[in-house]
Amino acid sequence: MPDCIFCKIAAGEAKARIVLEDEDLVAFLDLNPQAPTHVLIVPRKHIPSLSDAEPGDAAMLGRLQLAAGKIAAQLGVGDGFRLVVNNGRKAGQAVDHLHYHLLGGRRLQWPPG
């Protein structure tokens, strides 16, 4: 998508503080962190939301989650972190590109919202 900021970051056309990337995904620090550790994990493939994912995306979705565990360990929050996906505007999704929020570095409350 030409106007998608996450597509631009994944393509190297927009700057971000990248913590992990591979052929399927890119993970970078959130510009507006909601916890001491706040990383966005996005697929390189443009998928507007989790509801738009298709059966052929299953392996890639699994790799996003596996990357979350690796990133959490790398950043020192592997013993306690939250992985969040907002689906649609009513849930707080602000960018129309599927992304996971990895939050950690402090005690996280429940319920979250």
C-alpha atoms as a PDB file:
ATOM      1  CA  MET A   1       0.000   0.000   0.000  1.00  0.00           C
ATOM      2  CA  PRO A   2       1.607   3.258  -1.053  1.00  0.00           C
ATOM      3  CA  ASP A   3       0.216   5.354   1.841  1.00  0.00           C
ATOM      4  CA  CYS A   4       0.748   2.806   4.623  1.00  0.00           C
ATOM      5  CA  ILE A   5       3.404   3.922   7.106  1.00  0.00           C
ATOM      6  CA  PHE A   6       4.070   0.331   8.215  1.00  0.00           C
ATOM      7  CA  CYS A   7       4.595  -0.763   4.591  1.00  0.00           C
ATOM      8  CA  LYS A   8       7.046   2.129   4.203  1.00  0.00           C
ATOM      9  CA  ILE A   9       8.936   1.089   7.341  1.00  0.00           C
ATOM     10  CA  ALA A  10       9.023  -2.538   6.168  1.00  0.00           C
ATOM     11  CA  ALA A  11      10.378  -1.406   2.788  1.00  0.00           C
ATOM     12  CA  GLY A  12      13.033   0.813   4.388  1.00  0.00           C
ATOM     13  CA  GLU A  13      11.390   3.965   3.020  1.00  0.00           C
ATOM     14  CA  ALA A  14      10.550   5.394   6.466  1.00  0.00           C
ATOM     15  CA  LYS A  15      12.763   5.441   9.518  1.00  0.00           C
ATOM     16  CA  ALA A  16      12.134   3.378  12.621  1.00  0.00           C
ATOM     17  CA  ARG A  17      14.208   1.962  15.450  1.00  0.00           C
ATOM     18  CA  ILE A  18      14.182  -1.638  14.271  1.00  0.00           C
ATOM     19  CA  VAL A  19      14.780  -4.388  16.817  1.00  0.00           C
ATOM     20  CA  LEU A  20      14.280  -7.414  14.545  1.00  0.00           C
ATOM     21  CA  GLU A  21      13.557  -8.081  10.897  1.00  0.00           C
ATOM     22  CA  ASP A  22      13.490 -11.018   8.533  1.00  0.00           C
ATOM     23  CA  GLU A  23      11.879 -11.899   5.225  1.00  0.00           C
ATOM     24  CA  ASP A  24       8.360 -11.977   6.738  1.00  0.00           C
ATOM     25  CA  LEU A  25       8.312  -9.255   9.372  1.00  0.00           C
ATOM     26  CA  VAL A  26       9.791  -6.144  10.855  1.00  0.00           C
ATOM     27  CA  ALA A  27       9.663  -5.155  14.528  1.00  0.00           C
ATOM     28  CA  PHE A  28      10.379  -1.652  15.765  1.00  0.00           C
ATOM     29  CA  LEU A  29       9.977   0.570  18.812  1.00  0.00           C
ATOM     30  CA  ASP A  30       6.648   2.367  19.094  1.00  0.00           C
ATOM     31  CA  LEU A  31       6.913   6.160  18.829  1.00  0.00           C
ATOM     32  CA  ASN A  32       4.244   6.565  21.532  1.00  0.00           C
ATOM     33  CA  PRO A  33       5.156   3.845  24.049  1.00  0.00           C
ATOM     34  CA  GLN A  34       2.522   2.689  26.521  1.00  0.00           C
ATOM     35  CA  ALA A  35       5.045   0.722  28.595  1.00  0.00           C
ATOM     36  CA  PRO A  36       8.812   0.882  29.127  1.00  0.00           C
ATOM     37  CA  THR A  37       9.115  -1.765  26.407  1.00  0.00           C
ATOM     38  CA  HIS A  38       6.695  -1.229  23.514  1.00  0.00           C
ATOM     39  CA  VAL A  39       7.501  -2.860  20.198  1.00  0.00           C
ATOM     40  CA  LEU A  40       5.308  -3.107  17.104  1.00  0.00           C
ATOM     41  CA  ILE A  41       5.631  -6.349  15.146  1.00  0.00           C
ATOM     42  CA  VAL A  42       4.276  -6.113  11.606  1.00  0.00           C
ATOM     43  CA  PRO A  43       4.191  -8.463   8.650  1.00  0.00           C
ATOM     44  CA  ARG A  44       5.866  -7.195   5.512  1.00  0.00           C
ATOM     45  CA  LYS A  45       2.751  -8.283   3.629  1.00  0.00           C
ATOM     46  CA  HIS A  46       0.047  -5.644   3.846  1.00  0.00           C
ATOM     47  CA  ILE A  47      -2.929  -7.112   5.695  1.00  0.00           C
ATOM     48  CA  PRO A  48      -5.320  -4.399   6.926  1.00  0.00           C
ATOM     49  CA  SER A  49      -6.396  -6.220  10.108  1.00  0.00           C
ATOM     50  CA  LEU A  50      -6.430  -9.654  11.693  1.00  0.00           C
ATOM     51  CA  SER A  51      -9.947 -10.143  10.311  1.00  0.00           C
ATOM     52  CA  ASP A  52      -8.487  -9.762   6.818  1.00  0.00           C
ATOM     53  CA  ALA A  53      -5.914 -12.530   7.267  1.00  0.00           C
ATOM     54  CA  GLU A  54      -6.504 -15.609   5.151  1.00  0.00           C
ATOM     55  CA  PRO A  55      -5.712 -19.305   5.688  1.00  0.00           C
ATOM     56  CA  GLY A  56      -2.554 -18.880   3.604  1.00  0.00           C
ATOM     57  CA  ASP A  57      -1.295 -16.357   6.183  1.00  0.00           C
ATOM     58  CA  ALA A  58      -1.333 -18.881   9.047  1.00  0.00           C
ATOM     59  CA  ALA A  59       2.385 -19.701   8.990  1.00  0.00           C
ATOM     60  CA  MET A  60       3.322 -16.024   8.834  1.00  0.00           C
ATOM     61  CA  LEU A  61       0.999 -15.231  11.753  1.00  0.00           C
ATOM     62  CA  GLY A  62       2.711 -17.951  13.758  1.00  0.00           C
ATOM     63  CA  ARG A  63       6.115 -16.482  12.920  1.00  0.00           C
ATOM     64  CA  LEU A  64       4.949 -13.089  14.225  1.00  0.00           C
ATOM     65  CA  GLN A  65       4.123 -14.661  17.563  1.00  0.00           C
ATOM     66  CA  LEU A  66       7.377 -16.615  17.713  1.00  0.00           C
ATOM     67  CA  ALA A  67       9.230 -13.382  16.954  1.00  0.00           C
ATOM     68  CA  ALA A  68       7.457 -11.744  19.909  1.00  0.00           C
ATOM     69  CA  GLY A  69       8.962 -14.278  22.297  1.00  0.00           C
ATOM     70  CA  LYS A  70      12.417 -13.804  20.785  1.00  0.00           C
ATOM     71  CA  ILE A  71      12.151 -10.006  20.964  1.00  0.00           C
ATOM     72  CA  ALA A  72      10.882 -10.100  24.558  1.00  0.00           C
ATOM     73  CA  ALA A  73      13.867 -12.228  25.604  1.00  0.00           C
ATOM     74  CA  GLN A  74      16.263  -9.977  23.659  1.00  0.00           C
ATOM     75  CA  LEU A  75      14.893  -6.870  25.404  1.00  0.00           C
ATOM     76  CA  GLY A  76      14.891  -8.421  28.883  1.00  0.00           C
ATOM     77  CA  VAL A  77      11.134  -8.787  29.369  1.00  0.00           C
ATOM     78  CA  GLY A  78      10.792 -12.473  28.507  1.00  0.00           C
ATOM     79  CA  ASP A  79       9.550 -13.280  32.009  1.00  0.00           C
ATOM     80  CA  GLY A  80       6.481 -11.039  31.671  1.00  0.00           C
ATOM     81  CA  PHE A  81       5.081  -9.330  28.608  1.00  0.00           C
ATOM     82  CA  ARG A  82       1.767  -8.832  26.850  1.00  0.00           C
ATOM     83  CA  LEU A  83       1.100  -9.337  23.155  1.00  0.00           C
ATOM     84  CA  VAL A  84      -1.891  -7.340  21.893  1.00  0.00           C
ATOM     85  CA  VAL A  85      -3.645  -7.133  18.539  1.00  0.00           C
ATOM     86  CA  ASN A  86      -6.293  -4.456  18.051  1.00  0.00           C
ATOM     87  CA  ASN A  87      -8.769  -5.343  15.306  1.00  0.00           C
ATOM     88  CA  GLY A  88     -10.679  -2.406  13.847  1.00  0.00           C
ATOM     89  CA  ARG A  89     -11.285   1.151  14.991  1.00  0.00           C
ATOM     90  CA  LYS A  90     -13.649   0.123  17.811  1.00  0.00           C
ATOM     91  CA  ALA A  91     -10.768  -1.849  19.336  1.00  0.00           C
ATOM     92  CA  GLY A  92      -8.290   1.005  18.967  1.00  0.00           C
ATOM     93  CA  GLN A  93      -6.527   0.005  15.740  1.00  0.00           C
ATOM     94  CA  ALA A  94      -5.036   3.282  14.480  1.00  0.00           C
ATOM     95  CA  VAL A  95      -3.033   2.008  11.482  1.00  0.00           C
ATOM     96  CA  ASP A  96      -4.750  -0.178   8.900  1.00  0.00           C
ATOM     97  CA  HIS A  97      -1.923  -2.723   8.754  1.00  0.00           C
ATOM     98  CA  LEU A  98      -2.008  -5.774  11.010  1.00  0.00           C
ATOM     99  CA  HIS A  99       0.396  -5.331  13.901  1.00  0.00           C
ATOM    100  CA  TYR A 100       1.104  -6.779  17.308  1.00  0.00           C
ATOM    101  CA  HIS A 101       2.001  -4.644  20.301  1.00  0.00           C
ATOM    102  CA  LEU A 102       4.590  -6.227  22.580  1.00  0.00           C
ATOM    103  CA  LEU A 103       4.353  -4.508  25.964  1.00  0.00           C
ATOM    104  CA  GLY A 104       6.545  -5.119  28.990  1.00  0.00           C
ATOM    105  CA  GLY A 105       8.953  -3.662  31.491  1.00  0.00           C
ATOM    106  CA  ARG A 106       6.329  -2.928  34.157  1.00  0.00           C
ATOM    107  CA  ARG A 107       3.502  -4.710  35.919  1.00  0.00           C
ATOM    108  CA  LEU A 108       0.574  -4.864  33.489  1.00  0.00           C
ATOM    109  CA  GLN A 109      -2.924  -4.538  34.893  1.00  0.00           C
ATOM    110  CA  TRP A 110      -5.997  -6.646  34.164  1.00  0.00           C
ATOM    111  CA  PRO A 111      -8.451  -6.056  32.647  1.00  0.00           C
ATOM    112  CA  PRO A 112      -6.509  -4.078  30.055  1.00  0.00           C
ATOM    113  CA  GLY A 113      -9.225  -1.837  28.696  1.00  0.00           C
END
